[in-house]
Protein backbone atom coordinates (compact mmCIF):
# COMPACT_ATOMS: atom_id res chain seq x y z
CA UNK A 1 -4.49 19.31 -71.19
CA UNK A 2 -6.47 16.65 -73.08
CA UNK A 3 -8.76 13.50 -72.09
CA UNK A 4 -8.97 10.57 -73.66
CA UNK A 5 -10.33 7.25 -73.94
CA UNK A 6 -10.65 4.01 -76.27
CA UNK A 7 -13.48 1.51 -77.96
CA UNK A 8 -12.89 -1.07 -80.46
CA UNK A 9 -14.83 -0.83 -83.47
CA UNK A 10 -16.36 -3.57 -85.58
CA UNK A 11 -16.89 -1.37 -88.72
CA UNK A 12 -13.74 1.02 -90.48
CA UNK A 13 -16.08 2.56 -92.61
CA UNK A 14 -19.36 3.23 -90.04
CA UNK A 15 -16.24 5.15 -88.00
CA UNK A 16 -14.97 7.15 -90.01
CA UNK A 17 -17.78 7.72 -91.94
CA UNK A 18 -19.07 9.64 -88.39
CA UNK A 19 -16.62 11.03 -88.31
CA UNK A 20 -15.80 13.00 -91.67
CA UNK A 21 -19.76 13.39 -92.76
CA UNK A 22 -21.67 13.18 -89.25
CA UNK A 23 -23.88 10.01 -88.43
CA UNK A 24 -27.39 11.48 -90.53
CA UNK A 25 -28.08 10.44 -94.12
CA UNK A 26 -28.76 13.38 -95.17
CA UNK A 27 -25.74 15.27 -93.81
CA UNK A 28 -23.49 12.69 -95.37
CA UNK A 29 -25.07 13.57 -98.91
CA UNK A 30 -24.62 17.07 -98.59
CA UNK A 31 -21.17 16.55 -97.33
CA UNK A 32 -20.08 14.46 -100.03
CA UNK A 33 -22.22 16.33 -102.63
CA UNK A 34 -20.45 19.45 -101.91
CA UNK A 35 -16.69 17.86 -101.45
CA UNK A 36 -16.41 18.77 -97.74
CA UNK A 37 -16.67 17.51 -94.27
CA UNK A 38 -16.65 17.61 -90.13
CA UNK A 39 -13.23 17.94 -90.22
CA UNK A 40 -11.88 20.74 -89.02
CA UNK A 41 -7.93 18.88 -90.25
CA UNK A 42 -7.56 15.81 -90.78
CA UNK A 43 -3.61 13.21 -91.19
CA UNK A 44 -3.02 10.25 -91.78
CA UNK A 45 -0.36 7.67 -92.40
CA UNK A 46 -1.90 7.16 -96.06
CA UNK A 47 -3.18 8.81 -99.20
CA UNK A 48 -6.87 9.21 -98.26
CA UNK A 49 -9.43 8.30 -95.84
CA UNK A 50 -10.88 5.40 -98.47
CA UNK A 51 -7.21 3.94 -98.50
CA UNK A 52 -7.62 3.16 -94.39
CA UNK A 53 -10.55 1.52 -94.02
CA UNK A 54 -9.10 -0.53 -97.16
CA UNK A 55 -6.08 -1.66 -95.05
CA UNK A 56 -8.94 -1.85 -92.35
CA UNK A 57 -10.95 -3.86 -93.61
CA UNK A 58 -8.10 -6.30 -95.26
CA UNK A 59 -6.60 -7.76 -92.15
CA UNK A 60 -10.00 -9.82 -91.75
CA UNK A 61 -10.11 -9.61 -87.74
CA UNK A 62 -13.63 -8.82 -86.14
CA UNK A 63 -12.04 -5.68 -84.54
CA UNK A 64 -11.06 -3.33 -87.55
CA UNK A 65 -9.36 -0.77 -85.83
CA UNK A 66 -9.43 1.20 -82.41
CA UNK A 67 -11.22 4.25 -82.45
CA UNK A 68 -9.70 7.26 -80.07
CA UNK A 69 -10.96 10.28 -78.94
CA UNK A 70 -8.75 12.86 -77.31
CA UNK A 71 -10.08 16.27 -75.48
CA UNK A 72 -8.50 19.03 -75.56
CA UNK A 73 -9.25 22.00 -72.61
CA UNK A 74 -10.85 25.36 -74.46
CA UNK A 75 -8.38 26.89 -72.06
CA UNK A 76 -5.43 25.66 -73.29
CA UNK A 77 -6.45 25.98 -77.11
CA UNK A 78 -8.41 28.04 -79.10
CA UNK A 79 -11.54 26.45 -81.68
CA UNK A 80 -11.29 29.42 -83.41
CA UNK A 81 -7.99 29.70 -83.87
CA UNK A 82 -6.35 28.10 -87.26
CA UNK A 83 -2.94 27.46 -85.37
CA UNK A 84 -4.51 26.44 -82.58
CA UNK A 85 -6.21 23.11 -84.61
CA UNK A 86 -3.50 22.29 -86.79
CA UNK A 87 -1.25 21.92 -83.38
CA UNK A 88 -4.19 19.12 -82.10
CA UNK A 89 -3.91 17.69 -85.08
CA UNK A 90 -0.58 17.08 -84.76
CA UNK A 91 -1.19 16.42 -80.80
CA UNK A 92 -3.51 13.21 -82.46
CA UNK A 93 -1.04 11.83 -84.81
CA UNK A 94 1.56 11.90 -82.60
CA UNK A 95 -0.67 10.15 -80.01
CA UNK A 96 -0.88 7.25 -82.71
CA UNK A 97 2.66 7.02 -83.50
CA UNK A 98 3.43 6.45 -79.70
CA UNK A 99 1.15 3.57 -79.01
CA UNK A 100 1.33 2.04 -82.18
CA UNK A 101 3.28 0.91 -84.87
CA UNK A 102 -0.16 0.39 -87.21
CA UNK A 103 -2.02 3.07 -89.63
CA UNK A 104 -3.65 5.55 -88.53
CA UNK A 105 -5.95 8.29 -89.83
CA UNK A 106 -6.52 11.35 -87.55
CA UNK A 107 -9.58 14.06 -87.86
CA UNK A 108 -10.13 16.97 -85.81
CA UNK A 109 -13.04 18.29 -84.69
CA UNK A 110 -14.37 22.13 -84.04
CA UNK A 111 -17.96 21.15 -83.44
CA UNK A 112 -18.23 20.01 -79.76
CA UNK A 113 -21.01 20.87 -77.94
CA UNK A 114 -18.72 22.82 -75.26
CA UNK A 115 -16.78 24.37 -77.88
CA UNK A 116 -13.24 22.95 -77.67
CA UNK A 117 -11.12 21.22 -79.80
CA UNK A 118 -11.38 16.95 -80.02
CA UNK A 119 -9.54 14.62 -82.03
CA UNK A 120 -11.10 11.01 -82.96
CA UNK A 121 -7.46 8.51 -83.60
CA UNK A 122 -8.53 5.92 -85.45
CA UNK A 123 -6.08 2.95 -85.59
CA UNK A 124 -5.09 0.18 -88.00
CA UNK A 125 -6.18 -3.50 -86.28
CA UNK A 126 -2.63 -4.86 -87.73
CA UNK A 127 0.67 -4.35 -86.14
CA UNK A 128 2.81 -3.14 -89.61
CA UNK A 129 6.03 -5.11 -87.49
CA UNK A 130 4.55 -8.44 -86.59
CA UNK A 131 1.50 -8.51 -89.07
CA UNK A 132 -0.60 -9.45 -85.98
CA UNK A 133 -3.34 -7.38 -83.75
CA UNK A 134 -2.38 -4.57 -81.25
CA UNK A 135 -1.58 -5.45 -78.34
CA UNK A 136 -0.70 -2.56 -75.98
CA UNK A 137 -2.85 0.56 -75.29
CA UNK A 138 -6.64 -0.78 -76.24
CA UNK A 139 -7.57 0.17 -72.91
CA UNK A 140 -7.89 3.22 -70.70
CA UNK A 141 -6.40 2.08 -67.72
CA UNK A 142 -3.55 0.19 -69.46
CA UNK A 143 -1.25 2.64 -71.35
CA UNK A 144 -3.53 4.57 -73.09
CA UNK A 145 -4.09 7.94 -69.98
CA UNK A 146 -0.34 7.47 -69.68
CA UNK A 147 0.79 7.62 -73.05
CA UNK A 148 -1.22 10.45 -73.53
CA UNK A 149 0.31 12.20 -70.60
CA UNK A 150 4.00 11.65 -71.10
CA UNK A 151 2.96 12.83 -74.97
CA UNK A 152 1.09 16.30 -73.26
CA UNK A 153 4.20 16.78 -70.86
CA UNK A 154 7.14 16.07 -73.64
CA UNK A 155 5.38 18.78 -75.90
CA UNK A 156 4.82 21.64 -73.25
CA UNK A 157 1.19 21.13 -72.94
CA UNK A 158 -0.58 20.96 -69.67
CA UNK A 159 -0.73 17.79 -67.79
CA UNK A 160 -3.66 16.20 -65.70
CA UNK A 161 -3.23 15.94 -61.81
CA UNK A 162 -4.41 12.78 -61.09
CA UNK A 163 -6.16 11.79 -64.33
CA UNK A 164 -9.57 10.02 -64.19
CA UNK A 165 -11.13 8.13 -66.75
CA UNK A 166 -13.53 10.60 -69.25
CA UNK A 167 -16.93 9.08 -69.67
CA UNK A 168 -17.43 7.72 -72.90
CA UNK A 169 -18.96 10.04 -74.90
CA UNK A 170 -21.40 8.92 -78.45
CA UNK A 171 -18.78 8.94 -80.74
CA UNK A 172 -17.41 5.71 -78.95
CA UNK A 173 -20.43 4.71 -77.51
CA UNK A 174 -21.81 4.17 -80.89
CA UNK A 175 -19.05 1.72 -81.49
CA UNK A 176 -21.47 -1.56 -79.24
CA UNK A 177 -24.12 -1.29 -82.00
CA UNK A 178 -24.42 -2.85 -84.68
CA UNK A 179 -23.19 -0.54 -87.84
CA UNK A 180 -26.67 0.79 -89.35
CA UNK A 181 -28.92 -0.96 -86.93
CA UNK A 182 -31.36 0.87 -85.81
CA UNK A 183 -29.75 2.18 -82.35
CA UNK A 184 -26.83 3.38 -84.03
CA UNK A 185 -29.00 5.20 -86.44
CA UNK A 186 -31.22 6.66 -84.00
CA UNK A 187 -27.51 7.94 -81.72
CA UNK A 188 -26.74 9.73 -84.92
CA UNK A 189 -29.16 11.44 -86.12
CA UNK A 190 -29.61 12.35 -82.32
CA UNK A 191 -26.41 13.47 -82.19
CA UNK A 192 -26.58 15.41 -85.23
CA UNK A 193 -30.02 17.31 -83.96
CA UNK A 194 -27.84 18.62 -80.54
CA UNK A 195 -25.27 19.93 -82.64
CA UNK A 196 -27.37 22.07 -85.10
CA UNK A 197 -26.94 25.58 -83.63
CA UNK A 198 -30.85 26.12 -84.08
CA UNK A 199 -32.20 23.55 -81.14
CA UNK A 200 -31.57 26.21 -78.29
CA UNK A 201 -34.32 25.14 -76.47
CA UNK A 202 -36.90 21.89 -76.41
CA UNK A 203 -38.93 23.55 -78.97
CA UNK A 204 -36.28 24.01 -81.05
CA UNK A 205 -35.10 20.86 -81.17
CA UNK A 206 -38.27 18.77 -81.82
CA UNK A 207 -38.47 20.84 -84.66
CA UNK A 208 -34.72 20.04 -85.89
CA UNK A 209 -35.36 15.86 -85.06
CA UNK A 210 -38.10 16.57 -86.76
CA UNK A 211 -36.39 16.59 -90.13
CA UNK A 212 -34.37 13.26 -89.68
CA UNK A 213 -37.58 11.81 -89.08
CA UNK A 214 -37.38 10.99 -85.22
CA UNK A 215 -40.28 12.24 -82.23
CA UNK A 216 -39.69 14.28 -78.97
CA UNK A 217 -40.89 14.02 -76.00
CA UNK A 218 -40.72 14.79 -72.20
CA UNK A 219 -41.36 11.62 -69.72
CA UNK A 220 -42.63 12.47 -66.49
CA UNK A 221 -39.18 11.87 -64.91
CA UNK A 222 -38.00 14.83 -67.06
CA UNK A 223 -36.09 12.52 -69.49
CA UNK A 224 -36.13 12.75 -73.04
CA UNK A 225 -37.54 10.48 -75.08
CA UNK A 226 -37.16 9.71 -79.02
CA UNK A 227 -39.23 7.55 -81.77
CA UNK A 228 -38.48 6.25 -85.37
CA UNK A 229 -39.07 3.47 -87.42
CA UNK A 230 -37.61 0.51 -87.52
CA UNK A 231 -36.70 -1.00 -90.63
CA UNK A 232 -39.55 -3.59 -90.04
CA UNK A 233 -42.28 -0.91 -90.08
CA UNK A 234 -42.86 -0.96 -86.56
CA UNK A 235 -42.25 2.64 -84.47
CA UNK A 236 -40.21 2.20 -81.17
CA UNK A 237 -38.93 4.33 -78.80
CA UNK A 238 -36.00 4.75 -76.59
CA UNK A 239 -34.10 6.73 -74.28
CA UNK A 240 -32.29 9.27 -74.77
CA UNK A 241 -30.12 8.45 -71.67
CA UNK A 242 -30.05 4.49 -72.75
CA UNK A 243 -28.51 5.26 -75.45
CA UNK A 244 -25.76 7.45 -74.01
CA UNK A 245 -25.04 9.88 -71.14
CA UNK A 246 -24.48 12.93 -73.82
CA UNK A 247 -28.46 12.27 -74.74
CA UNK A 248 -29.46 12.76 -70.99
CA UNK A 249 -31.49 16.16 -70.12
CA UNK A 250 -28.86 17.56 -67.90
CA UNK A 251 -26.42 17.05 -70.94
CA UNK A 252 -28.87 17.85 -73.54
CA UNK A 253 -29.97 21.55 -71.86
CA UNK A 254 -26.91 22.19 -71.34
CA UNK A 255 -26.15 22.24 -75.36
CA UNK A 256 -29.28 23.84 -75.37
CA UNK A 257 -27.78 26.80 -73.43
CA UNK A 258 -24.12 26.96 -75.50
CA UNK A 259 -26.28 27.37 -78.82
CA UNK A 260 -28.59 30.14 -77.32
CA UNK A 261 -24.85 31.82 -75.71
CA UNK A 262 -23.72 32.03 -79.50
CA UNK A 263 -27.06 32.87 -81.41
CA UNK A 264 -26.69 35.92 -79.05
CA UNK A 265 -23.26 36.42 -79.04
CA UNK A 266 -23.84 36.32 -82.66
CA UNK A 267 -26.59 38.32 -83.49
CA UNK A 268 -25.13 41.20 -80.95
CA UNK A 269 -21.92 41.09 -83.51
CA UNK A 270 -24.28 41.58 -86.43
CA UNK A 271 -25.45 44.58 -84.74
CA UNK A 272 -22.18 46.08 -83.81
CA UNK A 273 -21.05 45.11 -87.72
CA UNK A 274 -23.81 46.88 -89.39
CA UNK A 275 -23.13 50.03 -87.06
CA UNK A 276 -19.66 50.48 -88.07
CA UNK A 277 -20.53 49.98 -91.57
CA UNK A 278 -23.33 52.49 -91.26
CA UNK A 279 -20.91 55.46 -89.58
CA UNK A 280 -21.13 57.40 -86.74
CA UNK A 281 -22.97 60.11 -88.19
CA UNK A 282 -25.82 57.69 -89.98
CA UNK A 283 -28.27 57.79 -86.76
CA UNK A 284 -28.39 61.51 -86.29
CA UNK A 285 -28.85 61.40 -89.90
CA UNK A 286 -31.91 59.28 -89.52
CA UNK A 287 -33.31 61.01 -87.16
CA UNK A 288 -33.50 64.40 -89.20
CA UNK A 289 -34.61 62.92 -91.80
CA UNK A 290 -37.76 61.31 -89.91
CA UNK A 291 -38.93 64.26 -87.73
CA UNK A 292 -41.42 66.26 -89.96
CA UNK A 293 -42.76 68.61 -87.98
CA UNK A 294 -45.97 69.57 -89.22
CA UNK A 295 -48.33 68.11 -91.99
CA UNK A 296 -48.89 70.46 -94.78
CA UNK A 297 -52.58 70.97 -95.78
CA UNK A 298 -51.89 74.61 -97.50
CA UNK A 299 -54.35 75.20 -100.59
CA UNK A 300 -51.25 75.27 -102.59
CA UNK A 301 -49.64 73.09 -105.77
CA UNK A 302 -49.30 69.31 -104.69
CA UNK A 303 -45.40 69.49 -103.87
CA UNK A 304 -44.78 67.02 -106.98
CA UNK A 305 -45.64 69.83 -109.00
CA UNK A 306 -43.60 72.16 -106.89
CA UNK A 307 -41.06 70.48 -107.01
CA UNK A 308 -40.91 70.11 -111.01
CA UNK A 309 -41.18 73.53 -111.00
CA UNK A 310 -38.39 74.11 -109.17
CA UNK A 311 -36.22 71.70 -110.77
CA UNK A 312 -37.17 73.55 -114.13
CA UNK A 313 -36.05 77.85 -112.75
CA UNK A 314 -32.68 75.59 -111.91
CA UNK A 315 -32.20 73.86 -115.03
CA UNK A 316 -32.72 77.29 -116.58
CA UNK A 317 -30.26 79.32 -114.04
CA UNK A 318 -27.65 76.75 -114.86
CA UNK A 319 -27.55 77.20 -118.03
CA UNK A 320 -27.64 80.59 -117.61
CA UNK A 321 -24.32 80.57 -116.17
CA UNK A 322 -22.79 78.30 -118.52
CA UNK A 323 -23.84 80.99 -120.76
CA UNK A 324 -21.98 83.93 -119.10
CA UNK A 325 -18.83 84.87 -119.95
CA UNK A 326 -15.47 84.23 -117.29
CA UNK A 327 -14.22 87.14 -115.98
CA UNK A 328 -10.63 88.44 -117.16
CA UNK A 329 -8.65 86.77 -114.05
CA UNK A 330 -6.01 89.05 -113.59
CA UNK A 331 -2.39 87.68 -111.85
CA UNK A 332 -2.21 90.65 -108.93
CA UNK A 333 -0.85 89.48 -105.74
CA UNK A 334 -3.69 88.67 -103.79
CA UNK A 335 -5.67 86.68 -106.64
CA UNK A 336 -1.80 84.41 -106.66
CA UNK A 337 -2.83 84.26 -102.78
CA UNK A 338 -6.67 83.41 -103.04
CA UNK A 339 -5.44 79.70 -105.65
CA UNK A 340 -2.76 79.22 -103.29
CA UNK A 341 -5.74 78.76 -100.68
CA UNK A 342 -8.30 77.28 -102.74
CA UNK A 343 -5.53 74.72 -104.10
CA UNK A 344 -4.50 73.86 -99.98
CA UNK A 345 -8.18 73.34 -99.27
CA UNK A 346 -8.66 70.81 -102.10
CA UNK A 347 -5.65 68.79 -101.89
CA UNK A 348 -6.94 68.66 -97.90
CA UNK A 349 -10.23 67.41 -99.03
CA UNK A 350 -7.70 65.11 -101.40
CA UNK A 351 -5.86 63.66 -98.41
CA UNK A 352 -8.92 63.18 -96.49
CA UNK A 353 -10.78 61.17 -98.91
CA UNK A 354 -7.17 59.25 -99.69
CA UNK A 355 -7.23 58.82 -95.73
CA UNK A 356 -10.85 57.12 -95.33
CA UNK A 357 -10.31 54.74 -98.79
CA UNK A 358 -7.88 53.46 -97.28
CA UNK A 359 -9.48 52.87 -93.90
CA UNK A 360 -12.55 51.35 -96.18
CA UNK A 361 -9.86 49.07 -97.77
CA UNK A 362 -7.95 47.84 -94.53
CA UNK A 363 -11.73 47.23 -92.67
CA UNK A 364 -12.75 45.53 -96.34
CA UNK A 365 -9.75 43.23 -96.09
CA UNK A 366 -10.38 41.88 -92.47
CA UNK A 367 -13.59 41.64 -92.97
CA UNK A 368 -12.77 39.16 -95.73
CA UNK A 369 -9.44 36.91 -94.35
CA UNK A 370 -12.10 36.01 -91.24
CA UNK A 371 -14.77 34.92 -93.78
CA UNK A 372 -12.03 32.88 -95.37
CA UNK A 373 -11.45 31.57 -92.10
CA UNK A 374 -14.72 30.87 -90.97
CA UNK A 375 -15.54 29.06 -94.40
CA UNK A 376 -12.17 26.66 -93.89
CA UNK A 377 -13.09 25.88 -90.64
CA UNK A 378 -16.40 24.49 -91.86
CA UNK A 379 -15.27 23.26 -94.88
CA UNK A 380 -12.36 20.72 -93.30
CA UNK A 381 -9.57 19.98 -95.42
CA UNK A 382 -9.19 21.14 -99.48
CA UNK A 383 -5.78 19.57 -100.19
CA UNK A 384 -2.97 17.64 -99.18
CA UNK A 385 0.41 17.97 -97.86
CA UNK A 386 3.33 15.43 -97.46
CA UNK A 387 5.06 15.11 -94.02
CA UNK A 388 8.02 13.05 -92.97
CA UNK A 389 6.23 11.49 -90.12
CA UNK A 390 2.87 11.07 -92.35
CA UNK A 391 0.88 12.83 -94.78
CA UNK A 392 -1.16 16.04 -93.55
CA UNK A 393 -4.18 16.86 -95.15
CA UNK A 394 -6.33 19.58 -95.18
CA UNK A 395 -6.05 22.60 -92.58
């Protein structure tokens, strides 16, 4: 099942940049330098996001595009499954094409606070058939949620029994503020800090905000307050709740709990993986090596001296053995039986070694596959693939 909401945007550049690179200036620069983005998947009716932005700016209207958020239940689509990520992106593309005959850009995110997949669907405010502004599906009550529900039913997805308008999250709330203005910039930094997995409690969150030059405090009412320097040089204060419901104290606590649970899961998985790599016998081996019965204080030579003497004796013994002539082997029945038994033992040893190596190779390949999968989800799209309905880029 999915919920959907919509807001108009006066800045296509600001909206698309937020979806692809995040709101913080440093995060944008890091993504651009590495050639990555926040997108888990991306699809568009045009060749690339820059061309889409240019088309939104070229029509000359105050409203450059309409921004839709389409949120899916984690019970239906798994945020860690690449097949589900691609499917969610396709549903966003279908929604854009069902609503309008206009250019669109669909960005799928897998980094939400609740661990659910969601789409940012951007549609250029220019109908390609009429050449005029968009007239349909520009509000939740008049077409948007009905079109989305019809799409879910047609595609065999879950449909909400009694659809209610979802609250407007920050990705849409930010559209009401001036692009690049104080409120939008502060809100983008707060959102980026809340998404940061290090934000597991108020103190950790305060430290992450400080990296974005934002000061954090908790008011007597329990609500969160933020201070940031305005471009005019003044230090201004804002309540998080007044900027967006996403920034209320209750919402932030939910996010802290989510990050804390993920941190515990990650630590548990890391410990389990280390034990698996060490093997079942390593713990006993460590206990045996560490069990010192007593400290040797007898008046004997130092251990290092004894060890070197023992090494010299063993070396002399090995050299004597090498010089000793080998006995003449007889080909009697007993000797043949012993040789066969020895060969069988050697084959068994080699077979067990091959089996163990094959198991290790499979485990290493599986770990490498999981690592590539996580890297692909984190870095977003890395190529283009043509589709008959449009262009599908990425995942």
